[in-house]
Amino acid sequence: MNTTQKGRAAPKRLNRRHIERHAIKAIRDRLGPSEYPAEAALLGITDDGFALLVHVNSGGNEIAVEHYLQSLGYRAEYVPNPGGYGCAVRVSIRCP
């Protein structure tokens, strides 16, 4: 069985809502106690047909989201943000 670093089974499908919650948690963990809402750092999530693109407002938040999603068993990698502002993480499932 394919397991994650946290000992759970690796995800078998992409769920936009789950990815959004995980991304916000990763950003919130990075920012710590702050008056800046983590939800505001998440610029959007789009579907490219094979993966989800998570758009965030900074490189630090991109790295936090990428590493957190990888620890959960997703394939997550930096991609240049086509919109020009912020950064993006391409998220897909790992093939067994």
PDB file of N, CA and C in Angstrom:
ATOM      1  N   MET A   1       0.837  -1.176   0.000  1.00  0.00           N
ATOM      2  CA  MET A   1       0.000   0.000   0.000  1.00  0.00           C
ATOM      3  C   MET A   1       0.883   1.240   0.000  1.00  0.00           C
ATOM      4  N   ASN A   2       0.493   2.239  -0.762  1.00  0.00           N
ATOM      5  CA  ASN A   2       1.201   3.497  -0.849  1.00  0.00           C
ATOM      6  C   ASN A   2       0.789   4.370   0.338  1.00  0.00           C
ATOM      7  N   THR A   3       1.747   4.702   1.238  1.00  0.00           N
ATOM      8  CA  THR A   3       1.414   5.504   2.414  1.00  0.00           C
ATOM      9  C   THR A   3       2.180   6.807   2.402  1.00  0.00           C
ATOM     10  N   THR A   4       1.704   7.755   3.204  1.00  0.00           N
ATOM     11  CA  THR A   4       2.320   9.073   3.302  1.00  0.00           C
ATOM     12  C   THR A   4       3.315   9.098   4.445  1.00  0.00           C
ATOM     13  N   GLN A   5       3.996  10.240   4.597  1.00  0.00           N
ATOM     14  CA  GLN A   5       4.928  10.412   5.702  1.00  0.00           C
ATOM     15  C   GLN A   5       4.212  10.375   7.045  1.00  0.00           C
ATOM     16  N   LYS A   6       2.928  10.712   7.047  1.00  0.00           N
ATOM     17  CA  LYS A   6       2.163  10.716   8.290  1.00  0.00           C
ATOM     18  C   LYS A   6       1.507   9.368   8.552  1.00  0.00           C
ATOM     19  N   GLY A   7       1.822   8.339   7.745  1.00  0.00           N
ATOM     20  CA  GLY A   7       1.333   7.000   7.969  1.00  0.00           C
ATOM     21  C   GLY A   7      -0.052   6.712   7.423  1.00  0.00           C
ATOM     22  N   ARG A   8      -0.639   7.645   6.705  1.00  0.00           N
ATOM     23  CA  ARG A   8      -1.962   7.435   6.117  1.00  0.00           C
ATOM     24  C   ARG A   8      -1.822   6.902   4.704  1.00  0.00           C
ATOM     25  N   ALA A   9      -2.904   6.339   4.208  1.00  0.00           N
ATOM     26  CA  ALA A   9      -2.918   5.908   2.808  1.00  0.00           C
ATOM     27  C   ALA A   9      -2.843   7.140   1.915  1.00  0.00           C
ATOM     28  N   ALA A  10      -2.091   7.042   0.844  1.00  0.00           N
ATOM     29  CA  ALA A  10      -1.963   8.153  -0.091  1.00  0.00           C
ATOM     30  C   ALA A  10      -3.313   8.408  -0.765  1.00  0.00           C
ATOM     31  N   PRO A  11      -3.614   9.672  -1.071  1.00  0.00           N
ATOM     32  CA  PRO A  11      -4.890   9.991  -1.719  1.00  0.00           C
ATOM     33  C   PRO A  11      -5.011   9.306  -3.076  1.00  0.00           C
ATOM     34  N   LYS A  12      -6.228   8.898  -3.402  1.00  0.00           N
ATOM     35  CA  LYS A  12      -6.482   8.234  -4.676  1.00  0.00           C
ATOM     36  C   LYS A  12      -7.190   9.138  -5.677  1.00  0.00           C
ATOM     37  N   ARG A  13      -7.667  10.292  -5.215  1.00  0.00           N
ATOM     38  CA  ARG A  13      -8.324  11.238  -6.113  1.00  0.00           C
ATOM     39  C   ARG A  13      -8.122  12.651  -5.593  1.00  0.00           C
ATOM     40  N   LEU A  14      -8.342  13.610  -6.461  1.00  0.00           N
ATOM     41  CA  LEU A  14      -8.233  15.017  -6.088  1.00  0.00           C
ATOM     42  C   LEU A  14      -9.601  15.538  -5.680  1.00  0.00           C
ATOM     43  N   ASN A  15      -9.651  16.205  -4.568  1.00  0.00           N
ATOM     44  CA  ASN A  15     -10.874  16.833  -4.101  1.00  0.00           C
ATOM     45  C   ASN A  15     -10.553  18.307  -3.870  1.00  0.00           C
ATOM     46  N   ARG A  16     -11.131  19.157  -4.682  1.00  0.00           N
ATOM     47  CA  ARG A  16     -10.825  20.589  -4.641  1.00  0.00           C
ATOM     48  C   ARG A  16     -11.014  21.181  -3.240  1.00  0.00           C
ATOM     49  N   ARG A  17     -12.098  20.806  -2.586  1.00  0.00           N
ATOM     50  CA  ARG A  17     -12.374  21.350  -1.254  1.00  0.00           C
ATOM     51  C   ARG A  17     -11.309  20.918  -0.240  1.00  0.00           C
ATOM     52  N   HIS A  18     -10.885  19.652  -0.317  1.00  0.00           N
ATOM     53  CA  HIS A  18      -9.836  19.181   0.588  1.00  0.00           C
ATOM     54  C   HIS A  18      -8.526  19.910   0.330  1.00  0.00           C
ATOM     55  N   ILE A  19      -8.182  20.059  -0.938  1.00  0.00           N
ATOM     56  CA  ILE A  19      -6.932  20.764  -1.280  1.00  0.00           C
ATOM     57  C   ILE A  19      -6.976  22.194  -0.756  1.00  0.00           C
ATOM     58  N   GLU A  20      -8.112  22.847  -0.898  1.00  0.00           N
ATOM     59  CA  GLU A  20      -8.260  24.222  -0.402  1.00  0.00           C
ATOM     60  C   GLU A  20      -8.054  24.278   1.113  1.00  0.00           C
ATOM     61  N   ARG A  21      -8.687  23.376   1.852  1.00  0.00           N
ATOM     62  CA  ARG A  21      -8.530  23.350   3.315  1.00  0.00           C
ATOM     63  C   ARG A  21      -7.085  23.068   3.715  1.00  0.00           C
ATOM     64  N   HIS A  22      -6.448  22.117   3.012  1.00  0.00           N
ATOM     65  CA  HIS A  22      -5.046  21.801   3.320  1.00  0.00           C
ATOM     66  C   HIS A  22      -4.137  22.991   3.022  1.00  0.00           C
ATOM     67  N   ALA A  23      -4.377  23.675   1.917  1.00  0.00           N
ATOM     68  CA  ALA A  23      -3.552  24.836   1.553  1.00  0.00           C
ATOM     69  C   ALA A  23      -3.690  25.940   2.603  1.00  0.00           C
ATOM     70  N   ILE A  24      -4.911  26.212   3.033  1.00  0.00           N
ATOM     71  CA  ILE A  24      -5.129  27.247   4.056  1.00  0.00           C
ATOM     72  C   ILE A  24      -4.459  26.854   5.365  1.00  0.00           C
ATOM     73  N   LYS A  25      -4.531  25.580   5.732  1.00  0.00           N
ATOM     74  CA  LYS A  25      -3.870  25.123   6.957  1.00  0.00           C
ATOM     75  C   LYS A  25      -2.364  25.309   6.863  1.00  0.00           C
ATOM     76  N   ALA A  26      -1.779  24.964   5.716  1.00  0.00           N
ATOM     77  CA  ALA A  26      -0.332  25.119   5.537  1.00  0.00           C
ATOM     78  C   ALA A  26       0.074  26.585   5.660  1.00  0.00           C
ATOM     79  N   ILE A  27      -0.710  27.472   5.074  1.00  0.00           N
ATOM     80  CA  ILE A  27      -0.406  28.906   5.149  1.00  0.00           C
ATOM     81  C   ILE A  27      -0.584  29.406   6.578  1.00  0.00           C
ATOM     82  N   ARG A  28      -1.654  28.982   7.232  1.00  0.00           N
ATOM     83  CA  ARG A  28      -1.907  29.394   8.619  1.00  0.00           C
ATOM     84  C   ARG A  28      -0.764  28.921   9.524  1.00  0.00           C
ATOM     85  N   ASP A  29      -0.302  27.685   9.332  1.00  0.00           N
ATOM     86  CA  ASP A  29       0.818  27.168  10.126  1.00  0.00           C
ATOM     87  C   ASP A  29       2.076  27.992   9.886  1.00  0.00           C
ATOM     88  N   ARG A  30       2.292  28.419   8.648  1.00  0.00           N
ATOM     89  CA  ARG A  30       3.466  29.219   8.317  1.00  0.00           C
ATOM     90  C   ARG A  30       3.394  30.605   8.938  1.00  0.00           C
ATOM     91  N   LEU A  31       2.225  31.236   8.872  1.00  0.00           N
ATOM     92  CA  LEU A  31       2.081  32.608   9.365  1.00  0.00           C
ATOM     93  C   LEU A  31       2.032  32.695  10.882  1.00  0.00           C
ATOM     94  N   GLY A  32       1.556  31.621  11.528  1.00  0.00           N
ATOM     95  CA  GLY A  32       1.411  31.654  12.978  1.00  0.00           C
ATOM     96  C   GLY A  32       0.339  32.661  13.368  1.00  0.00           C
ATOM     97  N   PRO A  33       0.379  33.115  14.626  1.00  0.00           N
ATOM     98  CA  PRO A  33      -0.610  34.101  15.042  1.00  0.00           C
ATOM     99  C   PRO A  33      -0.377  35.412  14.290  1.00  0.00           C
ATOM    100  N   SER A  34      -1.320  35.763  13.484  1.00  0.00           N
ATOM    101  CA  SER A  34      -1.163  36.942  12.643  1.00  0.00           C
ATOM    102  C   SER A  34      -2.529  37.553  12.394  1.00  0.00           C
ATOM    103  N   GLU A  35      -2.545  38.846  12.168  1.00  0.00           N
ATOM    104  CA  GLU A  35      -3.806  39.507  11.831  1.00  0.00           C
ATOM    105  C   GLU A  35      -4.143  39.317  10.359  1.00  0.00           C
ATOM    106  N   TYR A  36      -3.179  38.836   9.572  1.00  0.00           N
ATOM    107  CA  TYR A  36      -3.415  38.608   8.153  1.00  0.00           C
ATOM    108  C   TYR A  36      -4.106  37.260   7.984  1.00  0.00           C
ATOM    109  N   PRO A  37      -5.303  37.232   7.415  1.00  0.00           N
ATOM    110  CA  PRO A  37      -6.011  35.948   7.279  1.00  0.00           C
ATOM    111  C   PRO A  37      -5.374  35.044   6.226  1.00  0.00           C
ATOM    112  N   ALA A  38      -5.170  33.791   6.594  1.00  0.00           N
ATOM    113  CA  ALA A  38      -4.562  32.829   5.673  1.00  0.00           C
ATOM    114  C   ALA A  38      -5.410  32.660   4.419  1.00  0.00           C
ATOM    115  N   GLU A  39      -6.727  32.785   4.553  1.00  0.00           N
ATOM    116  CA  GLU A  39      -7.614  32.638   3.407  1.00  0.00           C
ATOM    117  C   GLU A  39      -7.326  33.687   2.332  1.00  0.00           C
ATOM    118  N   ALA A  40      -6.857  34.863   2.733  1.00  0.00           N
ATOM    119  CA  ALA A  40      -6.563  35.925   1.779  1.00  0.00           C
ATOM    120  C   ALA A  40      -5.305  35.621   0.959  1.00  0.00           C
ATOM    121  N   ALA A  41      -4.435  34.766   1.478  1.00  0.00           N
ATOM    122  CA  ALA A  41      -3.202  34.403   0.773  1.00  0.00           C
ATOM    123  C   ALA A  41      -3.464  33.388  -0.338  1.00  0.00           C
ATOM    124  N   LEU A  42      -4.595  32.693  -0.259  1.00  0.00           N
ATOM    125  CA  LEU A  42      -4.972  31.731  -1.294  1.00  0.00           C
ATOM    126  C   LEU A  42      -5.745  32.483  -2.368  1.00  0.00           C
ATOM    127  N   LEU A  43      -5.137  32.640  -3.527  1.00  0.00           N
ATOM    128  CA  LEU A  43      -5.729  33.449  -4.597  1.00  0.00           C
ATOM    129  C   LEU A  43      -6.741  32.690  -5.432  1.00  0.00           C
ATOM    130  N   GLY A  44      -6.670  31.375  -5.426  1.00  0.00           N
ATOM    131  CA  GLY A  44      -7.630  30.592  -6.187  1.00  0.00           C
ATOM    132  C   GLY A  44      -7.103  29.210  -6.512  1.00  0.00           C
ATOM    133  N   ILE A  45      -8.022  28.358  -6.947  1.00  0.00           N
ATOM    134  CA  ILE A  45      -7.680  26.999  -7.367  1.00  0.00           C
ATOM    135  C   ILE A  45      -8.356  26.766  -8.705  1.00  0.00           C
ATOM    136  N   THR A  46      -7.567  26.334  -9.690  1.00  0.00           N
ATOM    137  CA  THR A  46      -8.112  26.042 -11.009  1.00  0.00           C
ATOM    138  C   THR A  46      -7.785  24.609 -11.387  1.00  0.00           C
ATOM    139  N   ASP A  47      -8.577  24.077 -12.283  1.00  0.00           N
ATOM    140  CA  ASP A  47      -8.413  22.704 -12.758  1.00  0.00           C
ATOM    141  C   ASP A  47      -7.818  22.764 -14.161  1.00  0.00           C
ATOM    142  N   ASP A  48      -6.705  22.073 -14.383  1.00  0.00           N
ATOM    143  CA  ASP A  48      -6.109  22.079 -15.729  1.00  0.00           C
ATOM    144  C   ASP A  48      -6.430  20.792 -16.496  1.00  0.00           C
ATOM    145  N   GLY A  49      -7.355  19.998 -15.974  1.00  0.00           N
ATOM    146  CA  GLY A  49      -7.750  18.762 -16.635  1.00  0.00           C
ATOM    147  C   GLY A  49      -7.108  17.527 -16.038  1.00  0.00           C
ATOM    148  N   PHE A  50      -5.883  17.652 -15.551  1.00  0.00           N
ATOM    149  CA  PHE A  50      -5.166  16.522 -14.968  1.00  0.00           C
ATOM    150  C   PHE A  50      -4.747  16.784 -13.530  1.00  0.00           C
ATOM    151  N   ALA A  51      -4.757  18.046 -13.137  1.00  0.00           N
ATOM    152  CA  ALA A  51      -4.298  18.434 -11.803  1.00  0.00           C
ATOM    153  C   ALA A  51      -5.019  19.711 -11.382  1.00  0.00           C
ATOM    154  N   LEU A  52      -4.813  20.078 -10.132  1.00  0.00           N
ATOM    155  CA  LEU A  52      -5.327  21.347  -9.637  1.00  0.00           C
ATOM    156  C   LEU A  52      -4.157  22.308  -9.477  1.00  0.00           C
ATOM    157  N   LEU A  53      -4.353  23.554  -9.865  1.00  0.00           N
ATOM    158  CA  LEU A  53      -3.346  24.587  -9.672  1.00  0.00           C
ATOM    159  C   LEU A  53      -3.786  25.462  -8.512  1.00  0.00           C
ATOM    160  N   VAL A  54      -2.968  25.485  -7.471  1.00  0.00           N
ATOM    161  CA  VAL A  54      -3.260  26.275  -6.279  1.00  0.00           C
ATOM    162  C   VAL A  54      -2.446  27.562  -6.379  1.00  0.00           C
ATOM    163  N   HIS A  55      -3.122  28.698  -6.508  1.00  0.00           N
ATOM    164  CA  HIS A  55      -2.459  29.990  -6.645  1.00  0.00           C
ATOM    165  C   HIS A  55      -2.389  30.672  -5.278  1.00  0.00           C
ATOM    166  N   VAL A  56      -1.182  31.072  -4.892  1.00  0.00           N
ATOM    167  CA  VAL A  56      -0.974  31.763  -3.619  1.00  0.00           C
ATOM    168  C   VAL A  56      -0.223  33.062  -3.864  1.00  0.00           C
ATOM    169  N   ASN A  57      -0.171  33.914  -2.846  1.00  0.00           N
ATOM    170  CA  ASN A  57       0.357  35.261  -3.037  1.00  0.00           C
ATOM    171  C   ASN A  57       1.863  35.412  -2.869  1.00  0.00           C
ATOM    172  N   SER A  58       2.573  34.375  -2.408  1.00  0.00           N
ATOM    173  CA  SER A  58       4.014  34.553  -2.208  1.00  0.00           C
ATOM    174  C   SER A  58       4.762  33.235  -2.337  1.00  0.00           C
ATOM    175  N   GLY A  59       6.060  33.348  -2.527  1.00  0.00           N
ATOM    176  CA  GLY A  59       6.906  32.167  -2.630  1.00  0.00           C
ATOM    177  C   GLY A  59       6.965  31.381  -1.340  1.00  0.00           C
ATOM    178  N   GLY A  60       6.954  32.073  -0.205  1.00  0.00           N
ATOM    179  CA  GLY A  60       6.974  31.382   1.080  1.00  0.00           C
ATOM    180  C   GLY A  60       5.720  30.548   1.278  1.00  0.00           C
ATOM    181  N   ASN A  61       4.585  31.101   0.904  1.00  0.00           N
ATOM    182  CA  ASN A  61       3.331  30.348   1.017  1.00  0.00           C
ATOM    183  C   ASN A  61       3.299  29.197   0.019  1.00  0.00           C
ATOM    184  N   GLU A  62       3.875  29.394  -1.147  1.00  0.00           N
ATOM    185  CA  GLU A  62       3.949  28.317  -2.151  1.00  0.00           C
ATOM    186  C   GLU A  62       4.741  27.148  -1.597  1.00  0.00           C
ATOM    187  N   ILE A  63       5.871  27.427  -0.992  1.00  0.00           N
ATOM    188  CA  ILE A  63       6.715  26.371  -0.434  1.00  0.00           C
ATOM    189  C   ILE A  63       5.986  25.651   0.701  1.00  0.00           C
ATOM    190  N   ALA A  64       5.301  26.401   1.564  1.00  0.00           N
ATOM    191  CA  ALA A  64       4.566  25.793   2.671  1.00  0.00           C
ATOM    192  C   ALA A  64       3.476  24.857   2.154  1.00  0.00           C
ATOM    193  N   VAL A  65       2.718  25.307   1.164  1.00  0.00           N
ATOM    194  CA  VAL A  65       1.644  24.490   0.600  1.00  0.00           C
ATOM    195  C   VAL A  65       2.221  23.259  -0.095  1.00  0.00           C
ATOM    196  N   GLU A  66       3.260  23.462  -0.886  1.00  0.00           N
ATOM    197  CA  GLU A  66       3.888  22.351  -1.607  1.00  0.00           C
ATOM    198  C   GLU A  66       4.357  21.266  -0.643  1.00  0.00           C
ATOM    199  N   HIS A  67       5.084  21.642   0.388  1.00  0.00           N
ATOM    200  CA  HIS A  67       5.626  20.665   1.333  1.00  0.00           C
ATOM    201  C   HIS A  67       4.520  19.980   2.133  1.00  0.00           C
ATOM    202  N   TYR A  68       3.515  20.743   2.528  1.00  0.00           N
ATOM    203  CA  TYR A  68       2.427  20.153   3.309  1.00  0.00           C
ATOM    204  C   TYR A  68       1.662  19.126   2.476  1.00  0.00           C
ATOM    205  N   LEU A  69       1.342  19.478   1.236  1.00  0.00           N
ATOM    206  CA  LEU A  69       0.613  18.542   0.381  1.00  0.00           C
ATOM    207  C   LEU A  69       1.450  17.303   0.057  1.00  0.00           C
ATOM    208  N   GLN A  70       2.746  17.481  -0.117  1.00  0.00           N
ATOM    209  CA  GLN A  70       3.620  16.329  -0.336  1.00  0.00           C
ATOM    210  C   GLN A  70       3.613  15.407   0.874  1.00  0.00           C
ATOM    211  N   SER A  71       3.589  15.974   2.071  1.00  0.00           N
ATOM    212  CA  SER A  71       3.582  15.147   3.290  1.00  0.00           C
ATOM    213  C   SER A  71       2.289  14.351   3.416  1.00  0.00           C
ATOM    214  N   LEU A  72       1.225  14.815   2.755  1.00  0.00           N
ATOM    215  CA  LEU A  72      -0.051  14.101   2.772  1.00  0.00           C
ATOM    216  C   LEU A  72      -0.149  13.064   1.662  1.00  0.00           C
ATOM    217  N   GLY A  73       0.868  12.988   0.804  1.00  0.00           N
ATOM    218  CA  GLY A  73       0.893  11.973  -0.250  1.00  0.00           C
ATOM    219  C   GLY A  73       0.533  12.471  -1.634  1.00  0.00           C
ATOM    220  N   TYR A  74       0.267  13.765  -1.772  1.00  0.00           N
ATOM    221  CA  TYR A  74      -0.010  14.318  -3.094  1.00  0.00           C
ATOM    222  C   TYR A  74       1.297  14.588  -3.834  1.00  0.00           C
ATOM    223  N   ARG A  75       1.229  14.629  -5.125  1.00  0.00           N
ATOM    224  CA  ARG A  75       2.351  15.104  -5.922  1.00  0.00           C
ATOM    225  C   ARG A  75       2.134  16.608  -6.049  1.00  0.00           C
ATOM    226  N   ALA A  76       3.057  17.395  -5.555  1.00  0.00           N
ATOM    227  CA  ALA A  76       2.929  18.849  -5.561  1.00  0.00           C
ATOM    228  C   ALA A  76       4.242  19.449  -6.032  1.00  0.00           C
ATOM    229  N   GLU A  77       4.142  20.368  -6.992  1.00  0.00           N
ATOM    230  CA  GLU A  77       5.359  20.976  -7.538  1.00  0.00           C
ATOM    231  C   GLU A  77       5.090  22.410  -7.960  1.00  0.00           C
ATOM    232  N   TYR A  78       6.109  23.226  -7.851  1.00  0.00           N
ATOM    233  CA  TYR A  78       6.027  24.625  -8.251  1.00  0.00           C
ATOM    234  C   TYR A  78       5.806  24.729  -9.754  1.00  0.00           C
ATOM    235  N   VAL A  79       4.955  25.645 -10.155  1.00  0.00           N
ATOM    236  CA  VAL A  79       4.804  25.994 -11.569  1.00  0.00           C
ATOM    237  C   VAL A  79       4.752  27.509 -11.667  1.00  0.00           C
ATOM    238  N   PRO A  80       5.311  28.072 -12.728  1.00  0.00           N
ATOM    239  CA  PRO A  80       5.222  29.522 -12.888  1.00  0.00           C
ATOM    240  C   PRO A  80       3.751  29.935 -12.975  1.00  0.00           C
ATOM    241  N   ASN A  81       3.402  30.991 -12.277  1.00  0.00           N
ATOM    242  CA  ASN A  81       2.025  31.466 -12.277  1.00  0.00           C
ATOM    243  C   ASN A  81       1.765  32.235 -13.567  1.00  0.00           C
ATOM    244  N   PRO A  82       0.877  31.738 -14.401  1.00  0.00           N
ATOM    245  CA  PRO A  82       0.624  32.407 -15.672  1.00  0.00           C
ATOM    246  C   PRO A  82      -0.023  33.781 -15.518  1.00  0.00           C
ATOM    247  N   GLY A  83      -0.626  34.060 -14.365  1.00  0.00           N
ATOM    248  CA  GLY A  83      -1.273  35.350 -14.142  1.00  0.00           C
ATOM    249  C   GLY A  83      -0.283  36.458 -13.838  1.00  0.00           C
ATOM    250  N   GLY A  84       0.956  36.111 -13.528  1.00  0.00           N
ATOM    251  CA  GLY A  84       1.977  37.113 -13.272  1.00  0.00           C
ATOM    252  C   GLY A  84       2.141  37.493 -11.814  1.00  0.00           C
ATOM    253  N   TYR A  85       1.115  37.350 -10.989  1.00  0.00           N
ATOM    254  CA  TYR A  85       1.217  37.716  -9.576  1.00  0.00           C
ATOM    255  C   TYR A  85       1.185  36.454  -8.729  1.00  0.00           C
ATOM    256  N   GLY A  86       2.050  36.367  -7.748  1.00  0.00           N
ATOM    257  CA  GLY A  86       2.066  35.232  -6.848  1.00  0.00           C
ATOM    258  C   GLY A  86       2.754  34.022  -7.435  1.00  0.00           C
ATOM    259  N   CYS A  87       2.444  32.873  -6.864  1.00  0.00           N
ATOM    260  CA  CYS A  87       3.043  31.602  -7.266  1.00  0.00           C
ATOM    261  C   CYS A  87       1.947  30.551  -7.346  1.00  0.00           C
ATOM    262  N   ALA A  88       2.286  29.418  -7.926  1.00  0.00           N
ATOM    263  CA  ALA A  88       1.299  28.345  -8.039  1.00  0.00           C
ATOM    264  C   ALA A  88       1.954  26.999  -7.731  1.00  0.00           C
ATOM    265  N   VAL A  89       1.119  26.079  -7.244  1.00  0.00           N
ATOM    266  CA  VAL A  89       1.525  24.700  -6.979  1.00  0.00           C
ATOM    267  C   VAL A  89       0.613  23.811  -7.818  1.00  0.00           C
ATOM    268  N   ARG A  90       1.210  22.937  -8.589  1.00  0.00           N
ATOM    269  CA  ARG A  90       0.430  21.966  -9.367  1.00  0.00           C
ATOM    270  C   ARG A  90       0.282  20.708  -8.517  1.00  0.00           C
ATOM    271  N   VAL A  91      -0.949  20.309  -8.236  1.00  0.00           N
ATOM    272  CA  VAL A  91      -1.230  19.202  -7.336  1.00  0.00           C
ATOM    273  C   VAL A  91      -1.917  18.086  -8.107  1.00  0.00           C
ATOM    274  N   SER A  92      -1.382  16.882  -7.976  1.00  0.00           N
ATOM    275  CA  SER A  92      -1.991  15.703  -8.592  1.00  0.00           C
ATOM    276  C   SER A  92      -1.782  14.528  -7.646  1.00  0.00           C
ATOM    277  N   ILE A  93      -2.380  13.392  -8.007  1.00  0.00           N
ATOM    278  CA  ILE A  93      -2.180  12.204  -7.185  1.00  0.00           C
ATOM    279  C   ILE A  93      -0.946  11.464  -7.671  1.00  0.00           C
ATOM    280  N   ARG A  94      -0.359  10.716  -6.776  1.00  0.00           N
ATOM    281  CA  ARG A  94       0.800   9.895  -7.137  1.00  0.00           C
ATOM    282  C   ARG A  94       0.306   8.582  -7.711  1.00  0.00           C
ATOM    283  N   CYS A  95       0.927   8.150  -8.771  1.00  0.00           N
ATOM    284  CA  CYS A  95       0.574   6.847  -9.347  1.00  0.00           C
ATOM    285  C   CYS A  95       1.272   5.758  -8.537  1.00  0.00           C
ATOM    286  N   PRO A  96       0.579   4.653  -8.262  1.00  0.00           N
ATOM    287  CA  PRO A  96       1.214   3.574  -7.467  1.00  0.00           C
ATOM    288  C   PRO A  96       2.343   2.913  -8.208  1.00  0.00           C
TER     289      PRO A  96
END
